[in-house]
Amino acid sequence: MNEPALALEQVVHTFAQGDSRLEVLRGASLAVMPGEMVALVGPSGAGKSTLLQVAGLLEPPQAGEVLINGEPCGGLDDTKRTLLRRSHLGFVYQSHHLLPEFSARENVMLPQMIAGVSKRDAGLRADELLDSVGLSARAHHRPGKMSGGEQQRVAIVRGLANDPAILLADEPTGNLDPETADGVFEQLQTLVREKKLAALVATHNMALAARMDRTLSLLHGQISPKT
């Protein structure tokens, strides 16, 4: 049987709130297989972004475990978590967070070069990825000269630049109009299928959630299948 690319086991995560503690995740568990696109839904404030941060090794869980390809990672130190993020994880956010002073191509090159890839190879990879989402002609444009949908497509392929096994997306079409959001989602879905990524996508858009393989609901700090 195939092993999940990403698994959370009984994860607990809390925040200080004055003199008390706010328990956001209360034994949250999930698993995402390679090539699977899973929607994560829940009301605002339910903790979807917190769960993605823990799953993405940006914050360690206070209890429970995060497993990447079956290996426990929640207790690793900052340096080891950073190395795992670079090699195994890709991130896409609601706001594209592109660097405005760099072109689309340079934005896709930068995470590769940070990971030690040569400038030449990073450029070739950036060209390939931008072409895959129909942006070859826009490669040398800066974000300010691109539409919102174009910027978000750059953000998606930037998240794939280091060939991750897992993609974590937080409202990746949330800032786009419905027609643009639909097109961006189709391209994201195509890339997930082609590259056999394990994708966990937080969204409020139930129509998009319905197009994914499964939908999980986060409520009161726990995860259950959406019915």
C-alpha atoms as a PDB file:
ATOM      1  CA  MET A   1       0.000   0.000   0.000  1.00  0.00           C
ATOM      2  CA  ASN A   2       1.260   3.473  -0.845  1.00  0.00           C
ATOM      3  CA  GLU A   3       2.363   5.670   2.025  1.00  0.00           C
ATOM      4  CA  PRO A   4       0.887   9.156   2.533  1.00  0.00           C
ATOM      5  CA  ALA A   5       3.176  11.935   1.398  1.00  0.00           C
ATOM      6  CA  LEU A   6       1.788  14.043   4.261  1.00  0.00           C
ATOM      7  CA  ALA A   7       0.170  12.918   7.498  1.00  0.00           C
ATOM      8  CA  LEU A   8      -0.853  14.680  10.695  1.00  0.00           C
ATOM      9  CA  GLU A   9      -1.480  12.526  13.736  1.00  0.00           C
ATOM     10  CA  GLN A  10      -3.407  13.934  16.687  1.00  0.00           C
ATOM     11  CA  VAL A  11      -1.870  17.394  16.279  1.00  0.00           C
ATOM     12  CA  VAL A  12      -2.477  19.936  19.041  1.00  0.00           C
ATOM     13  CA  HIS A  13      -1.627  23.608  18.629  1.00  0.00           C
ATOM     14  CA  THR A  14      -2.483  26.461  20.991  1.00  0.00           C
ATOM     15  CA  PHE A  15      -1.963  30.215  21.195  1.00  0.00           C
ATOM     16  CA  ALA A  16      -1.644  32.427  24.233  1.00  0.00           C
ATOM     17  CA  GLN A  17      -4.645  34.752  24.637  1.00  0.00           C
ATOM     18  CA  GLY A  18      -4.043  37.009  27.607  1.00  0.00           C
ATOM     19  CA  ASP A  19      -3.787  34.806  30.666  1.00  0.00           C
ATOM     20  CA  SER A  20      -5.432  31.858  28.926  1.00  0.00           C
ATOM     21  CA  ARG A  21      -4.628  29.506  26.059  1.00  0.00           C
ATOM     22  CA  LEU A  22      -6.662  29.234  22.853  1.00  0.00           C
ATOM     23  CA  GLU A  23      -6.607  25.650  21.609  1.00  0.00           C
ATOM     24  CA  VAL A  24      -6.867  25.906  17.810  1.00  0.00           C
ATOM     25  CA  LEU A  25      -6.057  22.306  16.887  1.00  0.00           C
ATOM     26  CA  ARG A  26      -7.317  19.606  19.230  1.00  0.00           C
ATOM     27  CA  GLY A  27      -6.029  16.291  17.990  1.00  0.00           C
ATOM     28  CA  ALA A  28      -6.301  17.022  14.261  1.00  0.00           C
ATOM     29  CA  SER A  29      -5.418  14.095  11.989  1.00  0.00           C
ATOM     30  CA  LEU A  30      -5.308  13.691   8.209  1.00  0.00           C
ATOM     31  CA  ALA A  31      -3.384  11.988   5.413  1.00  0.00           C
ATOM     32  CA  VAL A  32      -2.795  13.053   1.807  1.00  0.00           C
ATOM     33  CA  MET A  33      -1.553  10.588  -0.800  1.00  0.00           C
ATOM     34  CA  PRO A  34       0.723  11.365  -3.775  1.00  0.00           C
ATOM     35  CA  GLY A  35      -1.348  12.651  -6.684  1.00  0.00           C
ATOM     36  CA  GLU A  36      -4.292  13.486  -4.423  1.00  0.00           C
ATOM     37  CA  MET A  37      -5.893  16.914  -4.126  1.00  0.00           C
ATOM     38  CA  VAL A  38      -7.681  17.394  -0.810  1.00  0.00           C
ATOM     39  CA  ALA A  39      -9.812  20.409   0.097  1.00  0.00           C
ATOM     40  CA  LEU A  40      -9.754  21.729   3.655  1.00  0.00           C
ATOM     41  CA  VAL A  41     -12.860  23.730   4.540  1.00  0.00           C
ATOM     42  CA  GLY A  42     -14.187  25.328   7.680  1.00  0.00           C
ATOM     43  CA  PRO A  43     -15.480  28.671   8.978  1.00  0.00           C
ATOM     44  CA  SER A  44     -13.194  31.685   9.287  1.00  0.00           C
ATOM     45  CA  GLY A  45     -11.129  31.383  12.447  1.00  0.00           C
ATOM     46  CA  ALA A  46     -11.399  27.583  12.539  1.00  0.00           C
ATOM     47  CA  GLY A  47      -7.641  27.216  12.220  1.00  0.00           C
ATOM     48  CA  LYS A  48      -7.131  26.241   8.570  1.00  0.00           C
ATOM     49  CA  SER A  49      -4.123  28.519   8.131  1.00  0.00           C
ATOM     50  CA  THR A  50      -2.648  27.318  11.426  1.00  0.00           C
ATOM     51  CA  LEU A  51      -3.011  23.721  10.306  1.00  0.00           C
ATOM     52  CA  LEU A  52      -1.234  24.491   7.027  1.00  0.00           C
ATOM     53  CA  GLN A  53       1.590  26.213   8.926  1.00  0.00           C
ATOM     54  CA  VAL A  54       2.050  23.153  11.138  1.00  0.00           C
ATOM     55  CA  ALA A  55       1.790  20.788   8.160  1.00  0.00           C
ATOM     56  CA  GLY A  56       4.346  22.930   6.331  1.00  0.00           C
ATOM     57  CA  LEU A  57       6.820  22.750   9.234  1.00  0.00           C
ATOM     58  CA  LEU A  58       6.601  26.509   9.743  1.00  0.00           C
ATOM     59  CA  GLU A  59       5.502  25.903  13.343  1.00  0.00           C
ATOM     60  CA  PRO A  60       6.041  22.764  15.433  1.00  0.00           C
ATOM     61  CA  PRO A  61       2.987  21.094  16.967  1.00  0.00           C
ATOM     62  CA  GLN A  62       2.693  21.232  20.746  1.00  0.00           C
ATOM     63  CA  ALA A  63       1.553  17.607  20.683  1.00  0.00           C
ATOM     64  CA  GLY A  64       1.033  14.991  18.021  1.00  0.00           C
ATOM     65  CA  GLU A  65       3.159  14.421  14.941  1.00  0.00           C
ATOM     66  CA  VAL A  66       3.717  15.610  11.381  1.00  0.00           C
ATOM     67  CA  LEU A  67       5.007  12.950   9.002  1.00  0.00           C
ATOM     68  CA  ILE A  68       6.563  13.625   5.607  1.00  0.00           C
ATOM     69  CA  ASN A  69       6.797  10.428   3.531  1.00  0.00           C
ATOM     70  CA  GLY A  70       6.383   8.473   6.738  1.00  0.00           C
ATOM     71  CA  GLU A  71       9.186  10.231   8.602  1.00  0.00           C
ATOM     72  CA  PRO A  72       8.295  12.116  11.822  1.00  0.00           C
ATOM     73  CA  CYS A  73       9.238  15.785  11.472  1.00  0.00           C
ATOM     74  CA  GLY A  74       7.363  17.714  14.156  1.00  0.00           C
ATOM     75  CA  GLY A  75      10.194  17.606  16.660  1.00  0.00           C
ATOM     76  CA  LEU A  76      13.007  18.592  14.313  1.00  0.00           C
ATOM     77  CA  ASP A  77      15.040  21.720  15.018  1.00  0.00           C
ATOM     78  CA  ASP A  78      14.653  24.881  12.921  1.00  0.00           C
ATOM     79  CA  THR A  79      17.540  24.077  10.570  1.00  0.00           C
ATOM     80  CA  LYS A  80      16.267  20.599   9.712  1.00  0.00           C
ATOM     81  CA  ARG A  81      12.711  21.841   9.251  1.00  0.00           C
ATOM     82  CA  THR A  82      13.977  24.554   6.887  1.00  0.00           C
ATOM     83  CA  LEU A  83      15.889  22.011   4.798  1.00  0.00           C
ATOM     84  CA  LEU A  84      12.811  19.782   4.575  1.00  0.00           C
ATOM     85  CA  ARG A  85      10.635  22.708   3.515  1.00  0.00           C
ATOM     86  CA  ARG A  86      13.049  23.544   0.712  1.00  0.00           C
ATOM     87  CA  SER A  87      13.248  19.991  -0.595  1.00  0.00           C
ATOM     88  CA  HIS A  88       9.760  18.569   0.009  1.00  0.00           C
ATOM     89  CA  LEU A  89       7.209  21.363   0.390  1.00  0.00           C
ATOM     90  CA  GLY A  90       5.723  24.025  -1.846  1.00  0.00           C
ATOM     91  CA  PHE A  91       3.457  26.867  -0.683  1.00  0.00           C
ATOM     92  CA  VAL A  92       0.841  29.013  -2.424  1.00  0.00           C
ATOM     93  CA  TYR A  93      -1.012  31.770  -0.561  1.00  0.00           C
ATOM     94  CA  GLN A  94      -4.095  33.908  -1.189  1.00  0.00           C
ATOM     95  CA  SER A  95      -1.863  36.934  -1.732  1.00  0.00           C
ATOM     96  CA  HIS A  96       0.774  36.012  -4.276  1.00  0.00           C
ATOM     97  CA  HIS A  97       3.681  37.603  -2.333  1.00  0.00           C
ATOM     98  CA  LEU A  98       5.734  38.065  -5.495  1.00  0.00           C
ATOM     99  CA  LEU A  99       8.750  40.329  -5.151  1.00  0.00           C
ATOM    100  CA  PRO A 100       7.743  43.461  -7.107  1.00  0.00           C
ATOM    101  CA  GLU A 101      11.261  44.436  -8.160  1.00  0.00           C
ATOM    102  CA  PHE A 102      11.854  41.126  -9.943  1.00  0.00           C
ATOM    103  CA  SER A 103      10.345  39.697 -13.121  1.00  0.00           C
ATOM    104  CA  ALA A 104       8.091  36.649 -13.158  1.00  0.00           C
ATOM    105  CA  ARG A 105      11.047  34.538 -14.283  1.00  0.00           C
ATOM    106  CA  GLU A 106      13.270  35.875 -11.520  1.00  0.00           C
ATOM    107  CA  ASN A 107      10.576  35.251  -8.908  1.00  0.00           C
ATOM    108  CA  VAL A 108      10.493  31.580  -9.945  1.00  0.00           C
ATOM    109  CA  MET A 109      14.299  31.386 -10.061  1.00  0.00           C
ATOM    110  CA  LEU A 110      14.916  32.783  -6.582  1.00  0.00           C
ATOM    111  CA  PRO A 111      13.724  29.854  -4.426  1.00  0.00           C
ATOM    112  CA  GLN A 112      15.790  27.518  -6.569  1.00  0.00           C
ATOM    113  CA  MET A 113      18.937  29.605  -6.191  1.00  0.00           C
ATOM    114  CA  ILE A 114      18.384  29.814  -2.425  1.00  0.00           C
ATOM    115  CA  ALA A 115      18.317  26.013  -2.457  1.00  0.00           C
ATOM    116  CA  GLY A 116      21.666  25.927  -4.277  1.00  0.00           C
ATOM    117  CA  VAL A 117      20.604  25.556  -7.913  1.00  0.00           C
ATOM    118  CA  SER A 118      22.799  27.374 -10.444  1.00  0.00           C
ATOM    119  CA  LYS A 119      21.438  30.519 -12.076  1.00  0.00           C
ATOM    120  CA  ARG A 120      21.419  28.825 -15.485  1.00  0.00           C
ATOM    121  CA  ASP A 121      19.510  25.755 -14.316  1.00  0.00           C
ATOM    122  CA  ALA A 122      17.119  27.880 -12.253  1.00  0.00           C
ATOM    123  CA  GLY A 123      16.353  29.934 -15.351  1.00  0.00           C
ATOM    124  CA  LEU A 124      15.679  26.850 -17.460  1.00  0.00           C
ATOM    125  CA  ARG A 125      13.366  25.454 -14.797  1.00  0.00           C
ATOM    126  CA  ALA A 126      11.567  28.799 -14.507  1.00  0.00           C
ATOM    127  CA  ASP A 127      11.069  28.911 -18.287  1.00  0.00           C
ATOM    128  CA  GLU A 128       9.613  25.388 -18.247  1.00  0.00           C
ATOM    129  CA  LEU A 129       7.211  26.147 -15.404  1.00  0.00           C
ATOM    130  CA  LEU A 130       6.030  29.482 -16.796  1.00  0.00           C
ATOM    131  CA  ASP A 131       5.415  27.833 -20.168  1.00  0.00           C
ATOM    132  CA  SER A 132       3.313  25.153 -18.418  1.00  0.00           C
ATOM    133  CA  VAL A 133       0.824  27.838 -17.299  1.00  0.00           C
ATOM    134  CA  GLY A 134       0.910  29.831 -20.526  1.00  0.00           C
ATOM    135  CA  LEU A 135       3.107  32.675 -19.276  1.00  0.00           C
ATOM    136  CA  SER A 136       6.189  32.407 -21.479  1.00  0.00           C
ATOM    137  CA  ALA A 137       5.375  35.758 -23.083  1.00  0.00           C
ATOM    138  CA  ARG A 138       5.128  37.387 -19.653  1.00  0.00           C
ATOM    139  CA  ALA A 139       8.318  35.905 -18.190  1.00  0.00           C
ATOM    140  CA  HIS A 140      10.213  39.209 -18.154  1.00  0.00           C
ATOM    141  CA  HIS A 141       7.343  41.332 -16.861  1.00  0.00           C
ATOM    142  CA  ARG A 142       7.333  42.502 -13.275  1.00  0.00           C
ATOM    143  CA  PRO A 143       4.263  41.707 -11.155  1.00  0.00           C
ATOM    144  CA  GLY A 144       2.929  45.268 -11.399  1.00  0.00           C
ATOM    145  CA  LYS A 145       2.567  44.814 -15.162  1.00  0.00           C
ATOM    146  CA  MET A 146       0.594  41.569 -14.837  1.00  0.00           C
ATOM    147  CA  SER A 147      -3.049  40.815 -14.094  1.00  0.00           C
ATOM    148  CA  GLY A 148      -4.117  39.256 -10.794  1.00  0.00           C
ATOM    149  CA  GLY A 149      -4.627  35.878 -12.428  1.00  0.00           C
ATOM    150  CA  GLU A 150      -1.219  36.011 -14.077  1.00  0.00           C
ATOM    151  CA  GLN A 151       0.451  36.923 -10.804  1.00  0.00           C
ATOM    152  CA  GLN A 152      -1.250  34.027  -9.035  1.00  0.00           C
ATOM    153  CA  ARG A 153      -0.152  31.592 -11.754  1.00  0.00           C
ATOM    154  CA  VAL A 154       3.425  32.792 -11.211  1.00  0.00           C
ATOM    155  CA  ALA A 155       2.956  32.208  -7.482  1.00  0.00           C
ATOM    156  CA  ILE A 156       1.754  28.664  -8.156  1.00  0.00           C
ATOM    157  CA  VAL A 157       4.722  27.692 -10.299  1.00  0.00           C
ATOM    158  CA  ARG A 158       7.075  29.414  -7.854  1.00  0.00           C
ATOM    159  CA  GLY A 159       5.657  27.025  -5.240  1.00  0.00           C
ATOM    160  CA  LEU A 160       6.633  24.148  -7.538  1.00  0.00           C
ATOM    161  CA  ALA A 161      10.067  25.495  -8.435  1.00  0.00           C
ATOM    162  CA  ASN A 162      12.009  23.117  -6.174  1.00  0.00           C
ATOM    163  CA  ASP A 163       9.997  20.089  -7.318  1.00  0.00           C
ATOM    164  CA  PRO A 164       8.218  19.445  -4.007  1.00  0.00           C
ATOM    165  CA  ALA A 165       6.319  16.273  -3.163  1.00  0.00           C
ATOM    166  CA  ILE A 166       3.699  18.229  -1.205  1.00  0.00           C
ATOM    167  CA  LEU A 167       1.853  21.433  -2.091  1.00  0.00           C
ATOM    168  CA  LEU A 168       0.085  23.450   0.606  1.00  0.00           C
ATOM    169  CA  ALA A 169      -2.255  26.147  -0.664  1.00  0.00           C
ATOM    170  CA  ASP A 170      -4.124  28.671   1.480  1.00  0.00           C
ATOM    171  CA  GLU A 171      -7.084  30.197  -0.419  1.00  0.00           C
ATOM    172  CA  PRO A 172      -5.048  30.202  -3.678  1.00  0.00           C
ATOM    173  CA  THR A 173      -7.892  31.782  -5.688  1.00  0.00           C
ATOM    174  CA  GLY A 174      -9.438  33.841  -2.896  1.00  0.00           C
ATOM    175  CA  ASN A 175      -8.468  37.233  -4.337  1.00  0.00           C
ATOM    176  CA  LEU A 176      -9.615  36.493  -7.883  1.00  0.00           C
ATOM    177  CA  ASP A 177     -12.914  37.011  -9.683  1.00  0.00           C
ATOM    178  CA  PRO A 178     -14.882  33.784 -10.328  1.00  0.00           C
ATOM    179  CA  GLU A 179     -13.885  33.375 -13.982  1.00  0.00           C
ATOM    180  CA  THR A 180     -10.183  34.003 -13.300  1.00  0.00           C
ATOM    181  CA  ALA A 181     -10.305  31.794 -10.202  1.00  0.00           C
ATOM    182  CA  ASP A 182     -11.730  28.944 -12.266  1.00  0.00           C
ATOM    183  CA  GLY A 183      -8.926  29.182 -14.829  1.00  0.00           C
ATOM    184  CA  VAL A 184      -6.200  29.382 -12.189  1.00  0.00           C
ATOM    185  CA  PHE A 185      -7.669  26.409 -10.332  1.00  0.00           C
ATOM    186  CA  GLU A 186      -7.768  24.325 -13.525  1.00  0.00           C
ATOM    187  CA  GLN A 187      -4.082  24.959 -14.090  1.00  0.00           C
ATOM    188  CA  LEU A 188      -3.254  24.190 -10.462  1.00  0.00           C
ATOM    189  CA  GLN A 189      -5.217  20.939 -10.686  1.00  0.00           C
ATOM    190  CA  THR A 190      -3.454  19.972 -13.919  1.00  0.00           C
ATOM    191  CA  LEU A 191      -0.029  20.532 -12.367  1.00  0.00           C
ATOM    192  CA  VAL A 192      -0.955  18.476  -9.287  1.00  0.00           C
ATOM    193  CA  ARG A 193      -2.044  15.568 -11.507  1.00  0.00           C
ATOM    194  CA  GLU A 194       0.936  15.745 -13.860  1.00  0.00           C
ATOM    195  CA  LYS A 195       3.514  15.931 -11.084  1.00  0.00           C
ATOM    196  CA  LYS A 196       1.680  13.548  -8.726  1.00  0.00           C
ATOM    197  CA  LEU A 197       1.805  16.035  -5.883  1.00  0.00           C
ATOM    198  CA  ALA A 198       0.037  15.579  -2.580  1.00  0.00           C
ATOM    199  CA  ALA A 199      -1.969  18.815  -2.398  1.00  0.00           C
ATOM    200  CA  LEU A 200      -3.827  20.161   0.627  1.00  0.00           C
ATOM    201  CA  VAL A 201      -5.873  23.230  -0.310  1.00  0.00           C
ATOM    202  CA  ALA A 202      -7.664  25.418   2.238  1.00  0.00           C
ATOM    203  CA  THR A 203     -10.631  27.158   0.657  1.00  0.00           C
ATOM    204  CA  HIS A 204     -13.977  28.804   1.360  1.00  0.00           C
ATOM    205  CA  ASN A 205     -15.081  28.081  -2.206  1.00  0.00           C
ATOM    206  CA  MET A 206     -17.270  24.990  -1.968  1.00  0.00           C
ATOM    207  CA  ALA A 207     -17.590  24.756  -5.757  1.00  0.00           C
ATOM    208  CA  LEU A 208     -13.807  24.405  -6.048  1.00  0.00           C
ATOM    209  CA  ALA A 209     -13.723  22.009  -3.088  1.00  0.00           C
ATOM    210  CA  ALA A 210     -16.232  19.780  -4.881  1.00  0.00           C
ATOM    211  CA  ARG A 211     -13.809  19.424  -7.807  1.00  0.00           C
ATOM    212  CA  MET A 212     -11.075  17.952  -5.627  1.00  0.00           C
ATOM    213  CA  ASP A 213     -10.677  14.289  -4.667  1.00  0.00           C
ATOM    214  CA  ARG A 214     -11.884  14.687  -1.097  1.00  0.00           C
ATOM    215  CA  THR A 215     -13.070  17.420   1.225  1.00  0.00           C
ATOM    216  CA  LEU A 216     -12.109  17.566   4.898  1.00  0.00           C
ATOM    217  CA  SER A 217     -13.810  19.854   7.392  1.00  0.00           C
ATOM    218  CA  LEU A 218     -11.981  21.555  10.257  1.00  0.00           C
ATOM    219  CA  LEU A 219     -14.308  22.425  13.106  1.00  0.00           C
ATOM    220  CA  HIS A 220     -13.635  22.841  16.828  1.00  0.00           C
ATOM    221  CA  GLY A 221     -10.013  21.920  16.246  1.00  0.00           C
ATOM    222  CA  GLN A 222     -10.689  18.517  14.727  1.00  0.00           C
ATOM    223  CA  ILE A 223     -10.904  17.171  11.184  1.00  0.00           C
ATOM    224  CA  SER A 224     -13.677  15.066   9.738  1.00  0.00           C
ATOM    225  CA  PRO A 225     -14.759  14.117   6.197  1.00  0.00           C
ATOM    226  CA  LYS A 226     -17.148  16.661   4.705  1.00  0.00           C
ATOM    227  CA  THR A 227     -20.591  15.141   4.229  1.00  0.00           C
END
